[in-house]
Amino acid sequence: MLLKEACVRKKCSKCRRSKDVKGFSKNTTMPDGLDHYCKACNSERMQAYFQTKKGKAAMKRATIKRKKAAQAPVSKSRKKSRSR
């Protein structure tokens, strides 16, 4: 039996409220397979991060990377490996 199935509720590390496990995102690096912040707290945390200079720079890098990936032609060898 998985640990996640054993516990129905989990305590958020930020707001300290006990919530249903459906209120937490998946995180495979954690022993129980769930994030330590609930979805609401994590959303607040990410919004605050992307308002900072560092967060804005990260968003800009991700946008540029996405645009380059969309423009790059797919080589024949990559097409073959994708179809498998």
Protein backbone atom coordinates (compact mmCIF):
# COMPACT_ATOMS: atom_id res chain seq x y z
CA MET A 1 0.00 0.00 0.00
CA LEU A 2 1.31 3.44 -0.89
CA LEU A 3 1.79 6.09 1.76
CA LYS A 4 -0.49 8.46 -0.17
CA GLU A 5 -3.36 5.97 0.06
CA ALA A 6 -2.84 5.53 3.80
CA CYS A 7 -3.28 9.20 4.66
CA VAL A 8 -6.40 11.07 3.59
CA ARG A 9 -5.34 14.43 5.02
CA LYS A 10 -2.06 16.32 5.07
CA LYS A 11 -0.85 19.47 6.83
CA CYS A 12 0.38 22.37 4.67
CA SER A 13 3.84 23.63 5.66
CA LYS A 14 2.89 27.26 5.06
CA CYS A 15 -0.67 27.78 6.33
CA ARG A 16 -0.46 24.88 8.84
CA ARG A 17 -3.99 23.73 7.97
CA SER A 18 -4.87 20.07 7.66
CA LYS A 19 -6.36 19.54 4.19
CA ASP A 20 -7.51 16.71 1.99
CA VAL A 21 -4.70 15.22 -0.14
CA LYS A 22 -6.57 16.42 -3.26
CA GLY A 23 -5.56 19.94 -2.22
CA PHE A 24 -1.85 19.14 -2.80
CA SER A 25 0.04 18.83 -6.08
CA LYS A 26 2.07 15.74 -6.95
CA ASN A 27 5.77 15.78 -6.12
CA THR A 28 7.54 12.47 -6.75
CA THR A 29 10.64 13.56 -4.83
CA MET A 30 8.70 13.63 -1.56
CA PRO A 31 8.24 10.40 0.44
CA ASP A 32 4.43 10.64 0.33
CA GLY A 33 4.38 11.76 -3.34
CA LEU A 34 2.79 15.13 -2.56
CA ASP A 35 4.10 18.71 -2.37
CA HIS A 36 4.59 20.27 1.09
CA TYR A 37 2.51 23.34 0.19
CA CYS A 38 -1.20 23.12 -0.57
CA LYS A 39 -2.30 24.28 -4.03
CA ALA A 40 -3.63 27.61 -2.69
CA CYS A 41 -0.40 28.46 -0.83
CA ASN A 42 1.74 27.32 -3.75
CA SER A 43 -0.26 29.56 -6.11
CA GLU A 44 0.31 32.56 -3.84
CA ARG A 45 4.01 31.73 -3.57
CA MET A 46 4.44 31.46 -7.35
CA GLN A 47 2.54 34.70 -8.01
CA ALA A 48 4.80 36.53 -5.57
CA TYR A 49 7.91 34.97 -7.17
CA PHE A 50 6.96 36.04 -10.69
CA GLN A 51 6.52 39.64 -9.47
CA THR A 52 10.22 39.76 -8.49
CA LYS A 53 13.05 40.65 -10.86
CA LYS A 54 14.39 37.09 -10.74
CA GLY A 55 10.95 35.63 -11.49
CA LYS A 56 10.39 37.96 -14.44
CA ALA A 57 13.78 36.96 -15.88
CA ALA A 58 12.91 33.27 -15.50
CA MET A 59 9.60 33.81 -17.30
CA LYS A 60 11.38 35.65 -20.11
CA ARG A 61 13.92 32.80 -20.52
CA ALA A 62 11.13 30.22 -20.62
CA THR A 63 9.24 32.21 -23.26
CA ILE A 64 12.33 32.52 -25.46
CA LYS A 65 13.07 28.80 -25.07
CA ARG A 66 9.49 27.90 -26.06
CA LYS A 67 9.63 30.15 -29.13
CA LYS A 68 12.96 28.67 -30.26
CA ALA A 69 11.63 25.13 -29.84
CA ALA A 70 8.55 25.98 -31.91
CA GLN A 71 10.65 27.50 -34.70
CA ALA A 72 13.32 24.79 -34.85
CA PRO A 73 12.76 22.29 -37.66
CA VAL A 74 12.43 18.67 -36.59
CA SER A 75 15.22 16.52 -38.04
CA LYS A 76 14.50 13.17 -39.74
CA SER A 77 16.15 11.21 -36.92
CA ARG A 78 13.94 12.95 -34.33
CA LYS A 79 10.84 12.24 -36.41
CA LYS A 80 11.67 8.52 -36.44
CA SER A 81 12.27 8.39 -32.69
CA ARG A 82 9.01 10.23 -31.95
CA SER A 83 6.89 7.85 -34.00
CA ARG A 84 7.91 4.83 -31.89
